Amino acid sequence: MITPAKRAARNDEVLVEVQDLKKYFPVQTGLLDTLFTQKVEFVRAVDGVSFKIHTGEVFGLAGESGSGKTTIGRLVLGLEKPTEGKVFFNEIDLTSLEPHELRGMRSMMQVIFQDPMASLNPRMTIGEAVGHGLKIHDLGNAAEIREKTNQILEKVGLSPSTFFFNKYPHQISGGQRQRVVIARALVTNPILVLADEPIAMADVSVRALLLDLMIKLKNELELTYLFITHDLATAKYICDRIGILYLGKFAEVGELREVYGTPLHPYTQALLAAVPVPDPVARRTQEMPEGEIPNPINPPSGCRFHPRCPIAEARCSQEEPELRELRPDHLVACHFAEKFL
């Protein structure tokens, strides 16, 4: 993690700015239903999200499956077109760019995918897979691409690189495959890296090593991360700021230490209470929310968390709470958040 002094020095440098981002996916229904009802329903995957990512920081997105984390990541990189809203990268509006213009910026924005076996081509060697980005963006001749590929393989801990260069994904371990995915993301020397559950598929024994590697590379290469996770323990290890998502909206946003130390939203409190404690005699005392995340096609009225919230009142089902700042740089969307100050 970058030090508070470094974070303060870079605090005014905004690399990514997201403004009121929305993404609705149409629900595919049968032909007869479409003809008779003439009504198109949408999955509201992202429904009005705004945030900034400062240069050199790790901004985390956390929440249950279906909360919209990965969709936001794809929208930030321009892999999906938003239904509404803007995404600015280096003060450039990505939503207004033509495909060929966006393609020219791809080398500066890369992704570390969750499942290396799904994202690596089994027919390509490790050297080919990692160097492919350099080839696509015409960042050197064959000899230069090979040299840069070997350098980044060494940097991510795949040493000697000549041993791994001609291996195929199935010939190396899961932890080594994840290092290959990291190397492939960094070989084009990007500024912004989307890390989408980057250690979820790795063995528990190597997760801390991969996180240490990501922090080391961030500092060495001056990277900025958008870190997506459902594990708040992992987020605590690497993130500087965090946004807690619920059903396509932010429940809480702020500095990680502030959010973890003084959680102001019942959903954030429940997520933190669910993190295992390394004490065999410890018992959970906080009541966990009942049920599952609601259907994003027809989200609840008012506060979207109110059907599962232990402190919900009549107002919560009628009036949607605004995301408001209750502590410095600590925003929460709850009508009764003052109870927890």
Protein backbone atom coordinates (compact mmCIF):
# COMPACT_ATOMS: atom_id res chain seq x y z
CA MET A 1 0.00 0.00 0.00
CA ILE A 2 1.26 3.49 -0.73
CA THR A 3 2.13 5.52 2.32
CA PRO A 4 -0.21 8.30 3.52
CA ALA A 5 2.45 10.85 2.55
CA LYS A 6 2.60 9.55 -1.02
CA ARG A 7 -1.17 9.36 -1.20
CA ALA A 8 -1.49 12.96 -0.06
CA ALA A 9 1.09 14.06 -2.63
CA ARG A 10 -0.95 12.46 -5.43
CA ASN A 11 -4.38 13.26 -4.07
CA ASP A 12 -5.16 15.95 -6.66
CA GLU A 13 -4.17 13.80 -9.64
CA VAL A 14 -7.39 12.16 -10.86
CA LEU A 15 -6.74 9.40 -13.37
CA VAL A 16 -10.30 8.07 -13.69
CA GLU A 17 -13.55 9.90 -13.09
CA VAL A 18 -16.90 8.13 -13.34
CA GLN A 19 -20.03 10.28 -13.49
CA ASP A 20 -23.52 8.87 -12.84
CA LEU A 21 -22.75 5.61 -14.62
CA LYS A 22 -25.64 3.34 -15.57
CA LYS A 23 -25.78 0.07 -17.45
CA TYR A 24 -29.08 -1.68 -18.19
CA PHE A 25 -29.07 -5.02 -19.99
CA PRO A 26 -32.29 -5.93 -21.84
CA VAL A 27 -33.86 -9.20 -20.72
CA GLN A 28 -34.34 -11.65 -23.56
CA THR A 29 -37.86 -13.08 -23.56
CA GLY A 30 -39.81 -15.28 -25.94
CA LEU A 31 -41.18 -13.91 -29.20
CA LEU A 32 -44.82 -14.28 -28.07
CA ASP A 33 -44.15 -12.45 -24.80
CA THR A 34 -42.52 -9.61 -26.72
CA LEU A 35 -45.39 -9.36 -29.20
CA PHE A 36 -48.21 -9.44 -26.64
CA THR A 37 -46.75 -7.41 -23.80
CA GLN A 38 -44.63 -5.02 -25.92
CA LYS A 39 -42.69 -4.37 -22.77
CA VAL A 40 -38.93 -4.61 -22.53
CA GLU A 41 -37.46 -5.36 -19.12
CA PHE A 42 -33.91 -4.56 -18.09
CA VAL A 43 -31.37 -5.86 -15.62
CA ARG A 44 -30.14 -2.76 -13.82
CA ALA A 45 -26.58 -3.97 -13.35
CA VAL A 46 -25.20 -0.48 -12.59
CA ASP A 47 -27.65 2.23 -11.59
CA GLY A 48 -26.07 5.63 -11.01
CA VAL A 49 -22.51 5.24 -9.74
CA SER A 50 -19.97 8.06 -9.43
CA PHE A 51 -16.40 7.94 -8.12
CA LYS A 52 -12.82 9.02 -8.80
CA ILE A 53 -9.58 7.04 -8.86
CA HIS A 54 -6.46 9.02 -8.06
CA THR A 55 -3.12 8.32 -9.69
CA GLY A 56 -1.09 5.74 -7.81
CA GLU A 57 -3.85 4.44 -5.55
CA VAL A 58 -5.78 1.19 -5.28
CA PHE A 59 -9.53 1.78 -5.41
CA GLY A 60 -11.54 -1.27 -4.40
CA LEU A 61 -15.05 -2.34 -5.39
CA ALA A 62 -16.58 -4.86 -3.00
CA GLY A 63 -19.95 -6.51 -2.61
CA GLU A 64 -21.88 -9.72 -3.11
CA SER A 65 -22.12 -11.49 -6.46
CA GLY A 66 -24.53 -9.58 -8.69
CA SER A 67 -23.80 -6.19 -7.15
CA GLY A 68 -22.31 -4.81 -10.41
CA LYS A 69 -18.57 -4.87 -9.63
CA THR A 70 -17.34 -6.47 -12.84
CA THR A 71 -19.77 -4.49 -15.00
CA ILE A 72 -18.37 -1.24 -13.59
CA GLY A 73 -14.86 -2.46 -14.35
CA ARG A 74 -15.79 -3.24 -17.95
CA LEU A 75 -17.47 0.15 -18.33
CA VAL A 76 -14.40 1.96 -16.96
CA LEU A 77 -12.19 0.26 -19.57
CA GLY A 78 -14.63 0.86 -22.40
CA LEU A 79 -15.35 -2.84 -22.88
CA GLU A 80 -19.06 -2.03 -22.46
CA LYS A 81 -20.98 1.04 -23.57
CA PRO A 82 -22.91 2.67 -20.72
CA THR A 83 -26.63 3.23 -20.91
CA GLU A 84 -26.02 6.63 -19.32
CA GLY A 85 -23.13 8.45 -17.72
CA LYS A 86 -19.53 9.34 -18.50
CA VAL A 87 -16.11 7.77 -17.92
CA PHE A 88 -13.06 10.02 -18.10
CA PHE A 89 -9.57 8.55 -18.34
CA ASN A 90 -6.75 11.09 -18.22
CA GLU A 91 -9.47 13.73 -18.83
CA ILE A 92 -10.52 11.96 -22.05
CA ASP A 93 -14.20 10.96 -22.29
CA LEU A 94 -14.01 7.28 -23.23
CA THR A 95 -17.75 7.11 -23.88
CA SER A 96 -17.43 9.56 -26.79
CA LEU A 97 -14.57 7.79 -28.58
CA GLU A 98 -14.92 5.80 -31.78
CA PRO A 99 -13.78 2.14 -31.65
CA HIS A 100 -10.52 2.86 -33.49
CA GLU A 101 -9.76 5.76 -31.13
CA LEU A 102 -10.42 3.60 -28.08
CA ARG A 103 -8.25 0.84 -29.51
CA GLY A 104 -5.31 3.24 -29.59
CA MET A 105 -5.61 3.68 -25.80
CA ARG A 106 -5.88 -0.02 -24.96
CA SER A 107 -2.19 -0.41 -24.12
CA MET A 108 -2.62 2.05 -21.24
CA MET A 109 -5.56 0.11 -19.70
CA GLN A 110 -5.17 -3.58 -19.00
CA VAL A 111 -6.98 -6.37 -17.12
CA ILE A 112 -5.90 -9.10 -14.73
CA PHE A 113 -8.62 -11.71 -15.12
CA GLN A 114 -9.99 -13.97 -12.41
CA ASP A 115 -9.58 -17.36 -14.09
CA PRO A 116 -6.25 -17.80 -15.93
CA MET A 117 -7.32 -21.07 -17.54
CA ALA A 118 -10.32 -19.33 -19.11
CA SER A 119 -8.40 -16.22 -20.20
CA LEU A 120 -5.24 -17.92 -21.55
CA ASN A 121 -5.35 -19.56 -24.96
CA PRO A 122 -4.40 -23.23 -24.43
CA ARG A 123 -2.85 -23.30 -27.93
CA MET A 124 -0.47 -20.42 -27.23
CA THR A 125 2.76 -20.77 -25.29
CA ILE A 126 3.39 -18.57 -22.29
CA GLY A 127 5.80 -16.44 -24.31
CA GLU A 128 3.29 -15.99 -27.13
CA ALA A 129 0.45 -15.14 -24.73
CA VAL A 130 2.44 -12.54 -22.80
CA GLY A 131 4.01 -10.97 -25.88
CA HIS A 132 0.77 -10.91 -27.84
CA GLY A 133 -0.20 -7.48 -26.52
CA LEU A 134 3.11 -6.01 -27.70
CA LYS A 135 2.50 -7.51 -31.13
CA ILE A 136 -1.07 -6.17 -31.34
CA HIS A 137 0.00 -2.63 -30.44
CA ASP A 138 3.14 -2.80 -32.60
CA LEU A 139 5.45 -2.09 -29.64
CA GLY A 140 8.61 -3.60 -31.09
CA ASN A 141 10.04 -6.07 -33.57
CA ALA A 142 10.27 -9.81 -32.89
CA ALA A 143 13.57 -9.59 -31.00
CA GLU A 144 12.38 -6.64 -28.87
CA ILE A 145 9.08 -8.37 -28.09
CA ARG A 146 10.92 -11.50 -26.96
CA GLU A 147 13.25 -9.44 -24.77
CA LYS A 148 10.41 -7.47 -23.16
CA THR A 149 8.45 -10.68 -22.61
CA ASN A 150 11.37 -12.33 -20.84
CA GLN A 151 11.88 -9.21 -18.71
CA ILE A 152 8.30 -9.10 -17.49
CA LEU A 153 8.26 -12.86 -16.82
CA GLU A 154 11.30 -12.41 -14.59
CA LYS A 155 9.66 -9.43 -12.89
CA VAL A 156 6.57 -11.43 -11.90
CA GLY A 157 8.69 -14.25 -10.48
CA LEU A 158 8.67 -16.73 -13.39
CA SER A 159 12.39 -17.34 -13.36
CA PRO A 160 14.26 -18.39 -15.38
CA SER A 161 11.99 -16.93 -18.04
CA THR A 162 13.53 -19.15 -20.72
CA PHE A 163 12.11 -22.19 -18.88
CA PHE A 164 8.56 -20.83 -18.97
CA PHE A 165 8.66 -19.13 -22.38
CA ASN A 166 7.78 -22.23 -24.42
CA LYS A 167 5.53 -23.89 -21.84
CA TYR A 168 1.77 -24.14 -22.32
CA PRO A 169 -0.75 -23.09 -19.64
CA HIS A 170 -1.59 -26.67 -18.66
CA GLN A 171 2.09 -27.41 -18.03
CA ILE A 172 2.46 -24.97 -15.12
CA SER A 173 0.78 -24.60 -11.73
CA GLY A 174 -2.23 -22.45 -10.92
CA GLY A 175 -0.16 -19.87 -9.08
CA GLN A 176 2.26 -19.66 -12.00
CA ARG A 177 -0.63 -19.22 -14.44
CA GLN A 178 -1.89 -16.28 -12.38
CA ARG A 179 1.57 -14.72 -12.58
CA VAL A 180 1.41 -15.17 -16.36
CA VAL A 181 -1.91 -13.26 -16.45
CA ILE A 182 -0.32 -10.48 -14.39
CA ALA A 183 2.69 -10.39 -16.74
CA ARG A 184 0.44 -10.22 -19.79
CA ALA A 185 -1.44 -7.26 -18.29
CA LEU A 186 1.74 -5.34 -17.48
CA VAL A 187 3.85 -6.04 -20.55
CA THR A 188 2.42 -3.05 -22.47
CA ASN A 189 3.41 -0.72 -19.61
CA PRO A 190 -0.15 0.39 -18.72
CA ILE A 191 -1.19 3.21 -16.40
CA LEU A 192 -4.44 1.68 -15.15
CA VAL A 193 -4.94 -2.01 -14.30
CA LEU A 194 -8.33 -3.58 -13.62
CA ALA A 195 -7.76 -6.49 -11.23
CA ASP A 196 -10.98 -8.54 -11.33
CA GLU A 197 -10.85 -11.01 -8.43
CA PRO A 198 -7.17 -11.60 -9.31
CA ILE A 199 -6.46 -14.17 -6.58
CA ALA A 200 -9.83 -15.91 -6.32
CA MET A 201 -8.70 -18.96 -8.32
CA ALA A 202 -5.32 -19.28 -6.61
CA ASP A 203 -4.52 -21.63 -3.74
CA VAL A 204 -4.83 -20.08 -0.30
CA SER A 205 -1.12 -20.70 0.26
CA VAL A 206 -0.10 -18.41 -2.62
CA ARG A 207 -2.72 -15.64 -2.35
CA ALA A 208 -0.65 -13.48 0.00
CA LEU A 209 2.37 -13.93 -2.29
CA LEU A 210 0.36 -12.73 -5.30
CA LEU A 211 -0.95 -9.71 -3.39
CA ASP A 212 2.59 -8.85 -2.28
CA LEU A 213 3.69 -9.14 -5.91
CA MET A 214 0.90 -6.83 -7.09
CA ILE A 215 1.80 -4.21 -4.47
CA LYS A 216 5.49 -4.45 -5.37
CA LEU A 217 4.78 -4.06 -9.09
CA LYS A 218 2.40 -1.16 -8.44
CA ASN A 219 5.14 0.75 -6.65
CA GLU A 220 7.89 -0.18 -9.12
CA LEU A 221 5.86 0.55 -12.26
CA GLU A 222 3.77 3.42 -10.81
CA LEU A 223 0.48 1.69 -11.49
CA THR A 224 -3.08 2.53 -10.50
CA TYR A 225 -5.41 -0.36 -9.67
CA LEU A 226 -9.17 -0.76 -9.80
CA PHE A 227 -9.41 -3.80 -7.55
CA ILE A 228 -12.59 -5.90 -7.63
CA THR A 229 -13.25 -8.39 -4.85
CA HIS A 230 -15.97 -9.97 -2.74
CA ASP A 231 -13.48 -10.60 0.07
CA LEU A 232 -13.10 -7.68 2.46
CA ALA A 233 -10.07 -9.32 4.08
CA THR A 234 -8.27 -9.20 0.72
CA ALA A 235 -9.36 -5.60 0.14
CA LYS A 236 -7.91 -4.62 3.53
CA TYR A 237 -4.52 -5.92 2.44
CA ILE A 238 -4.19 -3.90 -0.77
CA CYS A 239 -6.79 -1.12 -1.13
CA ASP A 240 -6.40 2.56 -0.23
CA ARG A 241 -10.05 3.49 -0.77
CA ILE A 242 -13.08 1.27 -1.17
CA GLY A 243 -16.65 1.43 -2.46
CA ILE A 244 -19.21 -1.03 -1.09
CA LEU A 245 -21.76 -1.93 -3.78
CA TYR A 246 -25.23 -3.29 -3.34
CA LEU A 247 -27.51 -4.02 -6.29
CA GLY A 248 -25.78 -1.60 -8.66
CA LYS A 249 -25.45 1.32 -6.23
CA PHE A 250 -22.92 2.44 -3.66
CA ALA A 251 -23.87 1.79 -0.06
CA GLU A 252 -20.67 3.33 1.30
CA VAL A 253 -17.46 4.89 -0.07
CA GLY A 254 -14.35 6.14 1.67
CA GLU A 255 -10.80 5.61 2.83
CA LEU A 256 -10.37 1.95 3.66
CA ARG A 257 -9.29 2.52 7.27
CA GLU A 258 -12.22 4.88 7.78
CA VAL A 259 -14.80 2.49 6.30
CA TYR A 260 -13.42 -0.54 8.17
CA GLY A 261 -12.93 1.36 11.42
CA THR A 262 -16.30 3.13 11.42
CA PRO A 263 -18.71 1.40 9.04
CA LEU A 264 -21.84 3.54 8.74
CA HIS A 265 -24.05 1.31 6.59
CA PRO A 266 -25.70 -1.87 7.95
CA TYR A 267 -24.65 -3.74 4.81
CA THR A 268 -20.99 -2.82 5.28
CA GLN A 269 -21.25 -3.85 8.93
CA ALA A 270 -22.68 -7.23 7.91
CA LEU A 271 -19.92 -7.84 5.35
CA LEU A 272 -17.22 -7.00 7.89
CA ALA A 273 -18.86 -9.19 10.53
CA ALA A 274 -18.79 -12.11 8.10
CA VAL A 275 -14.98 -11.98 7.73
CA PRO A 276 -13.53 -15.00 9.62
CA VAL A 277 -11.54 -14.23 12.76
CA PRO A 278 -8.40 -16.35 13.40
CA ASP A 279 -9.66 -17.38 16.83
CA PRO A 280 -11.29 -20.81 17.33
CA VAL A 281 -13.33 -19.62 20.32
CA ALA A 282 -14.61 -16.42 18.68
CA ARG A 283 -18.32 -16.35 17.94
CA ARG A 284 -20.18 -14.01 15.62
CA THR A 285 -22.45 -11.73 17.61
CA GLN A 286 -23.88 -9.50 14.87
CA GLU A 287 -27.01 -10.71 13.14
CA MET A 288 -26.48 -11.51 9.45
CA PRO A 289 -28.93 -10.14 6.85
CA GLU A 290 -31.57 -12.67 5.87
CA GLY A 291 -32.24 -13.74 2.31
CA GLU A 292 -30.31 -13.07 -0.87
CA ILE A 293 -29.64 -10.04 -3.04
CA PRO A 294 -32.96 -9.06 -4.76
CA ASN A 295 -33.73 -9.39 -8.44
CA PRO A 296 -31.99 -6.53 -10.33
CA ILE A 297 -34.82 -6.51 -12.89
CA ASN A 298 -37.29 -5.28 -10.26
CA PRO A 299 -35.20 -3.83 -7.41
CA PRO A 300 -36.99 -2.88 -4.16
CA SER A 301 -38.40 0.61 -3.88
CA GLY A 302 -36.71 3.12 -1.62
CA CYS A 303 -33.48 1.80 -0.12
CA ARG A 304 -32.54 -1.34 -1.99
CA PHE A 305 -31.19 -2.96 1.14
CA HIS A 306 -34.31 -2.38 3.27
CA PRO A 307 -35.84 -5.90 2.85
CA ARG A 308 -32.73 -7.35 4.55
CA CYS A 309 -31.80 -4.45 6.83
CA PRO A 310 -32.08 -4.97 10.61
CA ILE A 311 -32.77 -1.26 11.29
CA ALA A 312 -35.16 -0.57 8.40
CA GLU A 313 -38.24 1.59 9.04
CA ALA A 314 -41.22 2.59 6.90
CA ARG A 315 -39.29 5.49 5.38
CA CYS A 316 -36.69 3.08 3.97
CA SER A 317 -39.19 1.37 1.67
CA GLN A 318 -40.51 4.66 0.31
CA GLU A 319 -37.57 7.06 0.03
CA GLU A 320 -34.26 6.23 -1.63
CA PRO A 321 -31.32 7.49 0.47
CA GLU A 322 -28.77 9.79 -1.11
CA LEU A 323 -25.05 9.12 -0.91
CA ARG A 324 -23.97 11.80 1.56
CA GLU A 325 -20.74 12.71 3.32
CA LEU A 326 -20.98 12.17 7.08
CA ARG A 327 -17.24 12.14 7.82
CA PRO A 328 -14.36 13.60 5.76
CA ASP A 329 -14.30 11.70 2.41
CA HIS A 330 -16.62 9.08 3.91
CA LEU A 331 -19.95 8.81 2.08
CA VAL A 332 -22.89 6.58 2.98
CA ALA A 333 -26.37 5.95 1.56
CA CYS A 334 -28.47 5.30 4.67
CA HIS A 335 -31.22 7.35 6.29
CA PHE A 336 -30.10 6.39 9.79
CA ALA A 337 -26.32 6.29 9.43
CA GLU A 338 -25.93 8.90 12.18
CA LYS A 339 -26.72 6.12 14.66
CA PHE A 340 -23.29 4.63 14.02
CA LEU A 341 -21.19 7.79 14.27
